[in-house]
């Protein structure tokens, strides 16, 4: 089964990640993408914290495609388990 788009949880400045979710049927899969990963996709040195959600929305399709690949590969991290997208995951 492939994941479908869930919700945006917002930017966590202390962890420097944007939280989001994907849905596996009725099950929510918690996900995060690092700020540096998004800046790498955007080819910018550093996006202000106040613009991180806007940046995520713009890059969302590519980030979610990566999260789906990591989900299918069972690359979960943390407790509770979730998907974390880093810059190295987005290299083409």
N, C-alpha and C. Protein backbone atom coordinates (compact mmCIF):
# COMPACT_ATOMS: atom_id res chain seq x y z
N UNK A 1 0.85 -1.19 0.00
CA UNK A 1 0.00 0.00 0.00
C UNK A 1 0.88 1.23 0.00
N UNK A 2 0.47 2.24 -0.74
CA UNK A 2 1.23 3.49 -0.77
C UNK A 2 0.63 4.47 0.22
N UNK A 3 1.48 5.35 0.69
CA UNK A 3 1.03 6.38 1.63
C UNK A 3 0.32 7.50 0.88
N UNK A 4 -0.60 8.15 1.56
CA UNK A 4 -1.26 9.33 1.02
C UNK A 4 -1.02 10.49 1.98
N UNK A 5 -1.20 11.66 1.48
CA UNK A 5 -0.95 12.90 2.21
C UNK A 5 -1.79 12.99 3.48
N UNK A 6 -1.13 13.42 4.54
CA UNK A 6 -1.80 13.65 5.82
C UNK A 6 -1.81 15.13 6.14
N UNK A 7 -1.46 15.46 7.37
CA UNK A 7 -1.52 16.85 7.82
C UNK A 7 -0.13 17.44 8.04
N UNK A 8 -0.08 18.75 8.16
CA UNK A 8 1.16 19.46 8.49
C UNK A 8 1.10 19.81 9.97
N UNK A 9 2.13 19.41 10.70
CA UNK A 9 2.17 19.65 12.14
C UNK A 9 2.88 20.93 12.53
N UNK A 10 3.58 21.56 11.59
CA UNK A 10 4.25 22.82 11.87
C UNK A 10 5.75 22.66 12.06
N UNK A 11 6.40 23.79 12.21
CA UNK A 11 7.85 23.83 12.35
C UNK A 11 8.23 23.82 13.82
N UNK A 12 9.16 22.94 14.19
CA UNK A 12 9.68 22.89 15.55
C UNK A 12 11.08 23.48 15.53
N UNK A 13 11.19 24.70 16.01
CA UNK A 13 12.45 25.43 15.95
C UNK A 13 13.55 24.75 16.75
N UNK A 14 13.22 24.17 17.91
CA UNK A 14 14.25 23.54 18.73
C UNK A 14 14.86 22.31 18.07
N UNK A 15 14.08 21.58 17.28
CA UNK A 15 14.58 20.40 16.57
C UNK A 15 14.94 20.70 15.12
N UNK A 16 14.53 21.87 14.65
CA UNK A 16 14.77 22.32 13.28
C UNK A 16 14.20 21.33 12.26
N UNK A 17 12.93 20.97 12.47
CA UNK A 17 12.21 20.07 11.56
C UNK A 17 10.79 20.57 11.34
N UNK A 18 10.24 20.24 10.20
CA UNK A 18 8.81 20.42 9.96
C UNK A 18 8.17 19.06 10.16
N UNK A 19 7.16 19.02 11.01
CA UNK A 19 6.42 17.79 11.27
C UNK A 19 5.27 17.68 10.27
N UNK A 20 5.04 16.47 9.81
CA UNK A 20 3.91 16.22 8.93
C UNK A 20 3.52 14.75 9.09
N UNK A 21 2.41 14.39 8.51
CA UNK A 21 2.00 12.99 8.59
C UNK A 21 1.61 12.49 7.21
N UNK A 22 1.67 11.18 7.09
CA UNK A 22 1.20 10.48 5.91
C UNK A 22 0.22 9.44 6.42
N UNK A 23 -0.67 8.98 5.57
CA UNK A 23 -1.67 8.00 5.97
C UNK A 23 -1.44 6.69 5.24
N UNK A 24 -1.39 5.61 6.03
CA UNK A 24 -1.32 4.25 5.52
C UNK A 24 -2.68 3.64 5.82
N UNK A 25 -3.61 3.82 4.89
CA UNK A 25 -5.00 3.45 5.16
C UNK A 25 -5.53 4.35 6.26
N UNK A 26 -5.97 3.77 7.37
CA UNK A 26 -6.48 4.55 8.50
C UNK A 26 -5.40 4.87 9.54
N UNK A 27 -4.17 4.41 9.29
CA UNK A 27 -3.09 4.59 10.25
C UNK A 27 -2.24 5.80 9.89
N UNK A 28 -2.10 6.71 10.86
CA UNK A 28 -1.26 7.88 10.66
C UNK A 28 0.21 7.52 10.87
N UNK A 29 1.05 7.91 9.93
CA UNK A 29 2.49 7.71 10.03
C UNK A 29 3.12 9.06 10.30
N UNK A 30 3.76 9.20 11.46
CA UNK A 30 4.38 10.46 11.84
C UNK A 30 5.68 10.63 11.05
N UNK A 31 5.87 11.84 10.53
CA UNK A 31 7.04 12.14 9.71
C UNK A 31 7.61 13.50 10.08
N UNK A 32 8.87 13.70 9.71
CA UNK A 32 9.52 14.99 9.88
C UNK A 32 10.53 15.16 8.76
N UNK A 33 10.79 16.40 8.39
CA UNK A 33 11.84 16.71 7.42
C UNK A 33 12.72 17.79 8.02
N UNK A 34 14.02 17.63 7.90
CA UNK A 34 14.94 18.60 8.49
C UNK A 34 14.94 19.90 7.69
N UNK A 35 15.19 20.98 8.40
CA UNK A 35 15.28 22.30 7.77
C UNK A 35 16.42 22.31 6.74
N UNK A 36 17.52 21.67 7.07
CA UNK A 36 18.65 21.67 6.14
C UNK A 36 18.32 20.87 4.87
N UNK A 37 17.51 19.82 4.99
CA UNK A 37 17.10 19.06 3.81
C UNK A 37 16.26 19.94 2.89
N UNK A 38 15.35 20.71 3.47
CA UNK A 38 14.52 21.60 2.64
C UNK A 38 15.37 22.68 2.00
N UNK A 39 16.32 23.25 2.74
CA UNK A 39 17.20 24.27 2.17
C UNK A 39 18.02 23.70 1.02
N UNK A 40 18.45 22.45 1.16
CA UNK A 40 19.19 21.79 0.08
C UNK A 40 18.34 21.64 -1.17
N UNK A 41 17.08 21.24 -0.99
CA UNK A 41 16.16 21.13 -2.14
C UNK A 41 15.92 22.48 -2.79
N UNK A 42 15.87 23.50 -1.97
CA UNK A 42 15.59 24.87 -2.43
C UNK A 42 16.83 25.59 -2.96
N UNK A 43 18.00 25.02 -2.69
CA UNK A 43 19.28 25.66 -3.07
C UNK A 43 19.43 27.04 -2.44
N UNK A 44 19.11 27.13 -1.16
CA UNK A 44 19.26 28.38 -0.41
C UNK A 44 20.08 28.10 0.85
N UNK A 45 20.80 29.10 1.36
CA UNK A 45 21.63 28.86 2.55
C UNK A 45 20.84 28.64 3.83
N UNK A 46 19.79 29.41 4.06
CA UNK A 46 18.99 29.24 5.29
C UNK A 46 17.70 30.03 5.16
N UNK A 47 16.61 29.33 5.32
CA UNK A 47 15.28 29.94 5.27
C UNK A 47 14.89 30.36 6.68
N UNK A 48 14.32 31.57 6.86
CA UNK A 48 13.88 31.99 8.19
C UNK A 48 12.80 31.04 8.75
N UNK A 49 12.82 30.86 10.05
CA UNK A 49 11.88 29.95 10.73
C UNK A 49 10.43 30.27 10.38
N UNK A 50 10.11 31.55 10.26
CA UNK A 50 8.74 31.97 9.98
C UNK A 50 8.26 31.52 8.59
N UNK A 51 9.20 31.11 7.72
CA UNK A 51 8.82 30.72 6.35
C UNK A 51 8.96 29.22 6.10
N UNK A 52 9.24 28.45 7.15
CA UNK A 52 9.46 27.01 6.98
C UNK A 52 8.22 26.26 6.50
N UNK A 53 7.06 26.57 7.03
CA UNK A 53 5.85 25.86 6.58
C UNK A 53 5.56 26.18 5.12
N UNK A 54 5.75 27.42 4.73
CA UNK A 54 5.56 27.82 3.33
C UNK A 54 6.54 27.04 2.43
N UNK A 55 7.78 26.93 2.88
CA UNK A 55 8.79 26.18 2.14
C UNK A 55 8.37 24.71 2.03
N UNK A 56 7.90 24.13 3.12
CA UNK A 56 7.45 22.73 3.10
C UNK A 56 6.33 22.54 2.08
N UNK A 57 5.36 23.42 2.09
CA UNK A 57 4.22 23.29 1.16
C UNK A 57 4.71 23.31 -0.29
N UNK A 58 5.65 24.18 -0.58
CA UNK A 58 6.21 24.28 -1.92
C UNK A 58 6.96 23.01 -2.33
N UNK A 59 7.65 22.38 -1.39
CA UNK A 59 8.47 21.21 -1.67
C UNK A 59 7.78 19.90 -1.29
N UNK A 60 6.54 19.98 -0.90
CA UNK A 60 5.83 18.86 -0.29
C UNK A 60 5.82 17.60 -1.13
N UNK A 61 5.56 17.71 -2.42
CA UNK A 61 5.48 16.51 -3.27
C UNK A 61 6.78 15.71 -3.22
N UNK A 62 7.91 16.38 -3.32
CA UNK A 62 9.20 15.69 -3.32
C UNK A 62 9.51 15.11 -1.94
N UNK A 63 9.19 15.84 -0.90
CA UNK A 63 9.44 15.37 0.47
C UNK A 63 8.58 14.14 0.77
N UNK A 64 7.30 14.21 0.41
CA UNK A 64 6.40 13.08 0.66
C UNK A 64 6.77 11.86 -0.17
N UNK A 65 7.27 12.06 -1.39
CA UNK A 65 7.71 10.93 -2.21
C UNK A 65 8.88 10.23 -1.52
N UNK A 66 9.79 11.00 -0.94
CA UNK A 66 10.92 10.43 -0.21
C UNK A 66 10.43 9.70 1.04
N UNK A 67 9.50 10.29 1.77
CA UNK A 67 8.95 9.65 2.97
C UNK A 67 8.27 8.33 2.60
N UNK A 68 7.59 8.29 1.48
CA UNK A 68 6.94 7.05 1.02
C UNK A 68 7.97 5.97 0.71
N UNK A 69 9.08 6.36 0.07
CA UNK A 69 10.14 5.38 -0.22
C UNK A 69 10.73 4.83 1.07
N UNK A 70 10.96 5.71 2.04
CA UNK A 70 11.52 5.27 3.32
C UNK A 70 10.52 4.36 4.06
N UNK A 71 9.24 4.65 3.95
CA UNK A 71 8.21 3.83 4.57
C UNK A 71 8.22 2.42 3.97
N UNK A 72 8.25 2.34 2.65
CA UNK A 72 8.26 1.05 1.97
C UNK A 72 9.51 0.24 2.31
N UNK A 73 10.62 0.95 2.57
CA UNK A 73 11.88 0.29 2.94
C UNK A 73 11.93 0.00 4.44
N UNK A 74 10.87 0.39 5.16
CA UNK A 74 10.77 0.17 6.62
C UNK A 74 11.88 0.89 7.38
N UNK A 75 12.24 2.10 6.95
CA UNK A 75 13.30 2.89 7.57
C UNK A 75 12.72 3.81 8.65
N UNK A 76 12.20 3.21 9.71
CA UNK A 76 11.61 3.96 10.81
C UNK A 76 12.68 4.33 11.83
N UNK A 77 12.46 5.45 12.50
CA UNK A 77 13.37 5.91 13.55
C UNK A 77 12.55 6.43 14.72
N UNK A 78 13.16 6.44 15.88
CA UNK A 78 12.56 7.07 17.05
C UNK A 78 11.55 6.21 17.78
N UNK A 79 10.99 6.84 18.81
CA UNK A 79 9.99 6.20 19.65
C UNK A 79 8.92 7.23 20.00
N UNK A 80 7.73 7.18 19.47
CA UNK A 80 7.22 6.13 18.59
C UNK A 80 7.89 6.18 17.21
N UNK A 81 7.92 5.05 16.52
CA UNK A 81 8.59 5.00 15.22
C UNK A 81 7.94 5.93 14.21
N UNK A 82 8.78 6.59 13.43
CA UNK A 82 8.31 7.48 12.38
C UNK A 82 9.36 7.58 11.28
N UNK A 83 9.08 8.43 10.33
CA UNK A 83 9.98 8.64 9.19
C UNK A 83 10.61 10.02 9.33
N UNK A 84 11.93 10.07 9.20
CA UNK A 84 12.65 11.34 9.24
C UNK A 84 13.37 11.49 7.90
N UNK A 85 13.06 12.57 7.20
CA UNK A 85 13.67 12.85 5.90
C UNK A 85 14.82 13.83 6.14
N UNK A 86 15.99 13.41 5.72
CA UNK A 86 17.20 14.23 5.83
C UNK A 86 17.72 14.58 4.45
N UNK A 87 18.67 15.50 4.41
CA UNK A 87 19.24 15.92 3.12
C UNK A 87 19.79 14.77 2.32
N UNK A 88 20.46 13.83 2.97
CA UNK A 88 21.05 12.69 2.27
C UNK A 88 19.97 11.83 1.61
N UNK A 89 18.77 11.83 2.14
CA UNK A 89 17.67 11.06 1.57
C UNK A 89 17.15 11.68 0.28
N UNK A 90 17.41 12.97 0.10
CA UNK A 90 16.86 13.71 -1.05
C UNK A 90 17.86 13.91 -2.18
N UNK A 91 19.06 13.39 -2.01
CA UNK A 91 20.07 13.50 -3.07
C UNK A 91 19.62 12.68 -4.26
N UNK A 92 19.81 13.25 -5.44
CA UNK A 92 19.41 12.51 -6.66
C UNK A 92 20.60 12.03 -7.42
